[in-house]
Amino acid sequence: MSTLTHTSMTNHHAPGLIEQIGETLHVWYERYRTRRELTHWTARDLQDVGLSWSDIAYEAEKPFWRA
């Protein structure tokens, strides 16, 4: 049995490609999660941080891929 790896079976992607994809997915999930969390804030919470309901609506309606 040979221990050599055939060249067609090696990974030809840049070493960090998988990490970059993982980081992008993580950022997208965090945007989605935090925007949904904002919709549950109370009027008091919003007042404490200086946001209005319209600010929250604007942010919550953005798709997860938009910063």
Protein backbone atom coordinates (compact mmCIF):
# COMPACT_ATOMS: atom_id res chain seq x y z
CA MET A 1 0.00 0.00 0.00
CA SER A 2 1.39 3.39 -0.99
CA THR A 3 1.68 6.26 1.48
CA LEU A 4 1.98 8.85 -1.30
CA THR A 5 -0.96 11.18 -1.89
CA HIS A 6 -2.08 11.63 -5.44
CA THR A 7 -1.85 15.30 -6.49
CA SER A 8 -5.51 15.42 -7.50
CA MET A 9 -6.48 14.66 -3.91
CA THR A 10 -4.61 17.55 -2.29
CA ASN A 11 -6.26 20.80 -1.24
CA HIS A 12 -5.38 23.52 -3.74
CA HIS A 13 -7.28 26.30 -1.94
CA ALA A 14 -5.50 29.08 -0.14
CA PRO A 15 -4.64 27.98 3.41
CA GLY A 16 -6.93 30.56 4.99
CA LEU A 17 -9.96 30.13 2.75
CA ILE A 18 -11.88 27.89 5.13
CA GLU A 19 -11.08 30.21 8.05
CA GLN A 20 -12.26 33.24 6.05
CA ILE A 21 -15.52 31.52 5.19
CA GLY A 22 -15.99 30.52 8.82
CA GLU A 23 -15.35 34.06 10.02
CA THR A 24 -17.80 35.51 7.48
CA LEU A 25 -20.49 33.05 8.57
CA HIS A 26 -19.83 33.92 12.21
CA VAL A 27 -20.15 37.68 11.52
CA TRP A 28 -23.38 37.12 9.59
CA TYR A 29 -24.85 35.00 12.40
CA GLU A 30 -23.91 37.61 15.01
CA ARG A 31 -25.59 40.36 12.97
CA TYR A 32 -28.71 38.25 12.63
CA ARG A 33 -28.76 37.38 16.35
CA THR A 34 -28.14 40.91 17.66
CA ARG A 35 -30.67 42.49 15.29
CA ARG A 36 -33.33 40.05 16.48
CA GLU A 37 -32.36 40.74 20.09
CA LEU A 38 -32.84 44.48 19.56
CA THR A 39 -36.49 43.90 18.66
CA HIS A 40 -37.09 42.62 22.20
CA TRP A 41 -35.69 45.65 23.99
CA THR A 42 -38.01 47.74 26.12
CA ALA A 43 -38.57 51.48 25.80
CA ARG A 44 -36.38 51.90 28.89
CA ASP A 45 -33.54 49.94 27.27
CA LEU A 46 -33.75 52.11 24.17
CA GLN A 47 -33.81 55.30 26.20
CA ASP A 48 -30.73 54.17 28.14
CA VAL A 49 -28.68 53.82 24.95
CA GLY A 50 -30.26 56.73 23.09
CA LEU A 51 -32.08 54.78 20.37
CA SER A 52 -35.63 55.09 19.09
CA TRP A 53 -38.05 52.47 17.82
CA SER A 54 -37.41 53.72 14.28
CA ASP A 55 -33.66 53.16 14.77
CA ILE A 56 -34.39 49.60 15.85
CA ALA A 57 -36.80 48.98 12.97
CA TYR A 58 -34.23 50.26 10.47
CA GLU A 59 -31.50 48.03 11.90
CA ALA A 60 -33.69 44.94 12.31
CA GLU A 61 -34.92 45.10 8.71
CA LYS A 62 -31.42 44.98 7.26
CA PRO A 63 -30.37 41.63 5.78
CA PHE A 64 -27.65 39.83 7.73
CA TRP A 65 -25.03 40.38 5.04
CA ARG A 66 -25.31 44.18 5.25
CA ALA A 67 -23.23 45.94 7.87
